[in-house]
Amino acid sequence: MSGAARRVVVTGAAGRLGGGVAHRLAREGRLLGGVDIAPGEHVTRLLDLARCSTDELLDAFAGADAVVH
């Protein structure tokens, strides 16, 4: 898996698609966190991306090699 992102944040991690991606990444040990407006198994940060500040957004994605949106 050369070149693959090791720490990934998933937006919409409580939804059907985002939740599936987050679950797979967690199984592979690559999930850094999940962001959503609703709680879920892999949601580590409750955040409305449409209304959050730049600082909140940067904090939510801090340490990530990639973001799946």
C-alpha atoms as a PDB file:
ATOM      1  CA  MET A   1       0.000   0.000   0.000  1.00  0.00           C
ATOM      2  CA  SER A   2       2.811   2.352  -0.901  1.00  0.00           C
ATOM      3  CA  GLY A   3       1.766   5.992  -1.087  1.00  0.00           C
ATOM      4  CA  ALA A   4      -1.589   5.385   0.598  1.00  0.00           C
ATOM      5  CA  ALA A   5      -2.785   7.896   3.170  1.00  0.00           C
ATOM      6  CA  ARG A   6      -2.271   6.548   6.660  1.00  0.00           C
ATOM      7  CA  ARG A   7      -4.448   8.956   8.656  1.00  0.00           C
ATOM      8  CA  VAL A   8      -7.785   9.760   7.076  1.00  0.00           C
ATOM      9  CA  VAL A   9     -10.715  11.899   8.239  1.00  0.00           C
ATOM     10  CA  VAL A  10     -14.142  11.077   6.787  1.00  0.00           C
ATOM     11  CA  THR A  11     -16.876  13.703   6.526  1.00  0.00           C
ATOM     12  CA  GLY A  12     -20.427  12.419   6.769  1.00  0.00           C
ATOM     13  CA  ALA A  13     -19.169   9.492   8.847  1.00  0.00           C
ATOM     14  CA  ALA A  14     -22.630   8.832  10.330  1.00  0.00           C
ATOM     15  CA  GLY A  15     -24.252   8.395   6.923  1.00  0.00           C
ATOM     16  CA  ARG A  16     -24.566   5.298   4.805  1.00  0.00           C
ATOM     17  CA  LEU A  17     -21.707   6.000   2.400  1.00  0.00           C
ATOM     18  CA  GLY A  18     -19.402   7.865   4.794  1.00  0.00           C
ATOM     19  CA  GLY A  19     -20.085   5.317   7.518  1.00  0.00           C
ATOM     20  CA  GLY A  20     -19.078   2.485   5.214  1.00  0.00           C
ATOM     21  CA  VAL A  21     -15.869   4.249   4.216  1.00  0.00           C
ATOM     22  CA  ALA A  22     -15.091   5.071   7.865  1.00  0.00           C
ATOM     23  CA  HIS A  23     -15.741   1.459   8.907  1.00  0.00           C
ATOM     24  CA  ARG A  24     -13.363   0.130   6.239  1.00  0.00           C
ATOM     25  CA  LEU A  25     -10.649   2.633   7.144  1.00  0.00           C
ATOM     26  CA  ALA A  26     -11.045   1.809  10.848  1.00  0.00           C
ATOM     27  CA  ARG A  27     -10.642  -1.900  10.066  1.00  0.00           C
ATOM     28  CA  GLU A  28      -7.449  -1.079   8.171  1.00  0.00           C
ATOM     29  CA  GLY A  29      -6.176   1.085  11.038  1.00  0.00           C
ATOM     30  CA  ARG A  30      -6.188   4.235   8.887  1.00  0.00           C
ATOM     31  CA  LEU A  31      -9.141   6.175  10.336  1.00  0.00           C
ATOM     32  CA  LEU A  32      -8.050   9.290  12.229  1.00  0.00           C
ATOM     33  CA  GLY A  33     -11.608  10.482  12.785  1.00  0.00           C
ATOM     34  CA  GLY A  34     -15.081  11.055  11.456  1.00  0.00           C
ATOM     35  CA  VAL A  35     -16.938  14.346  11.193  1.00  0.00           C
ATOM     36  CA  ASP A  36     -20.722  14.701  10.953  1.00  0.00           C
ATOM     37  CA  ILE A  37     -23.651  16.725  12.283  1.00  0.00           C
ATOM     38  CA  ALA A  38     -25.126  13.537  13.769  1.00  0.00           C
ATOM     39  CA  PRO A  39     -23.560  11.009  16.139  1.00  0.00           C
ATOM     40  CA  GLY A  40     -22.420   7.672  14.761  1.00  0.00           C
ATOM     41  CA  GLU A  41     -20.088   4.759  15.417  1.00  0.00           C
ATOM     42  CA  HIS A  42     -17.056   6.412  13.843  1.00  0.00           C
ATOM     43  CA  VAL A  43     -17.946  10.090  14.466  1.00  0.00           C
ATOM     44  CA  THR A  44     -15.273  11.685  16.620  1.00  0.00           C
ATOM     45  CA  ARG A  45     -16.323  15.288  16.033  1.00  0.00           C
ATOM     46  CA  LEU A  46     -19.844  16.717  15.781  1.00  0.00           C
ATOM     47  CA  LEU A  47     -19.541  19.635  13.388  1.00  0.00           C
ATOM     48  CA  ASP A  48     -21.713  21.351  10.777  1.00  0.00           C
ATOM     49  CA  LEU A  49     -19.213  21.900   7.970  1.00  0.00           C
ATOM     50  CA  ALA A  50     -21.517  24.424   6.264  1.00  0.00           C
ATOM     51  CA  ARG A  51     -21.573  26.711   9.314  1.00  0.00           C
ATOM     52  CA  CYS A  52     -18.316  26.117  11.185  1.00  0.00           C
ATOM     53  CA  SER A  53     -15.428  28.552  11.443  1.00  0.00           C
ATOM     54  CA  THR A  54     -12.140  28.109   9.619  1.00  0.00           C
ATOM     55  CA  ASP A  55     -10.426  27.346  12.932  1.00  0.00           C
ATOM     56  CA  GLU A  56     -12.954  24.575  13.716  1.00  0.00           C
ATOM     57  CA  LEU A  57     -12.428  23.105  10.267  1.00  0.00           C
ATOM     58  CA  LEU A  58      -8.636  23.158  10.558  1.00  0.00           C
ATOM     59  CA  ASP A  59      -8.864  21.594  14.004  1.00  0.00           C
ATOM     60  CA  ALA A  60     -11.163  18.808  12.763  1.00  0.00           C
ATOM     61  CA  PHE A  61      -8.706  17.870  10.006  1.00  0.00           C
ATOM     62  CA  ALA A  62      -5.481  18.375  11.982  1.00  0.00           C
ATOM     63  CA  GLY A  63      -3.061  15.481  11.578  1.00  0.00           C
ATOM     64  CA  ALA A  64      -4.835  14.004   8.561  1.00  0.00           C
ATOM     65  CA  ASP A  65      -2.973  12.838   5.480  1.00  0.00           C
ATOM     66  CA  ALA A  66      -6.260  12.860   3.551  1.00  0.00           C
ATOM     67  CA  VAL A  67      -9.929  13.805   3.859  1.00  0.00           C
ATOM     68  CA  VAL A  68     -12.732  11.784   2.255  1.00  0.00           C
ATOM     69  CA  HIS A  69     -15.662  14.117   1.580  1.00  0.00           C
END
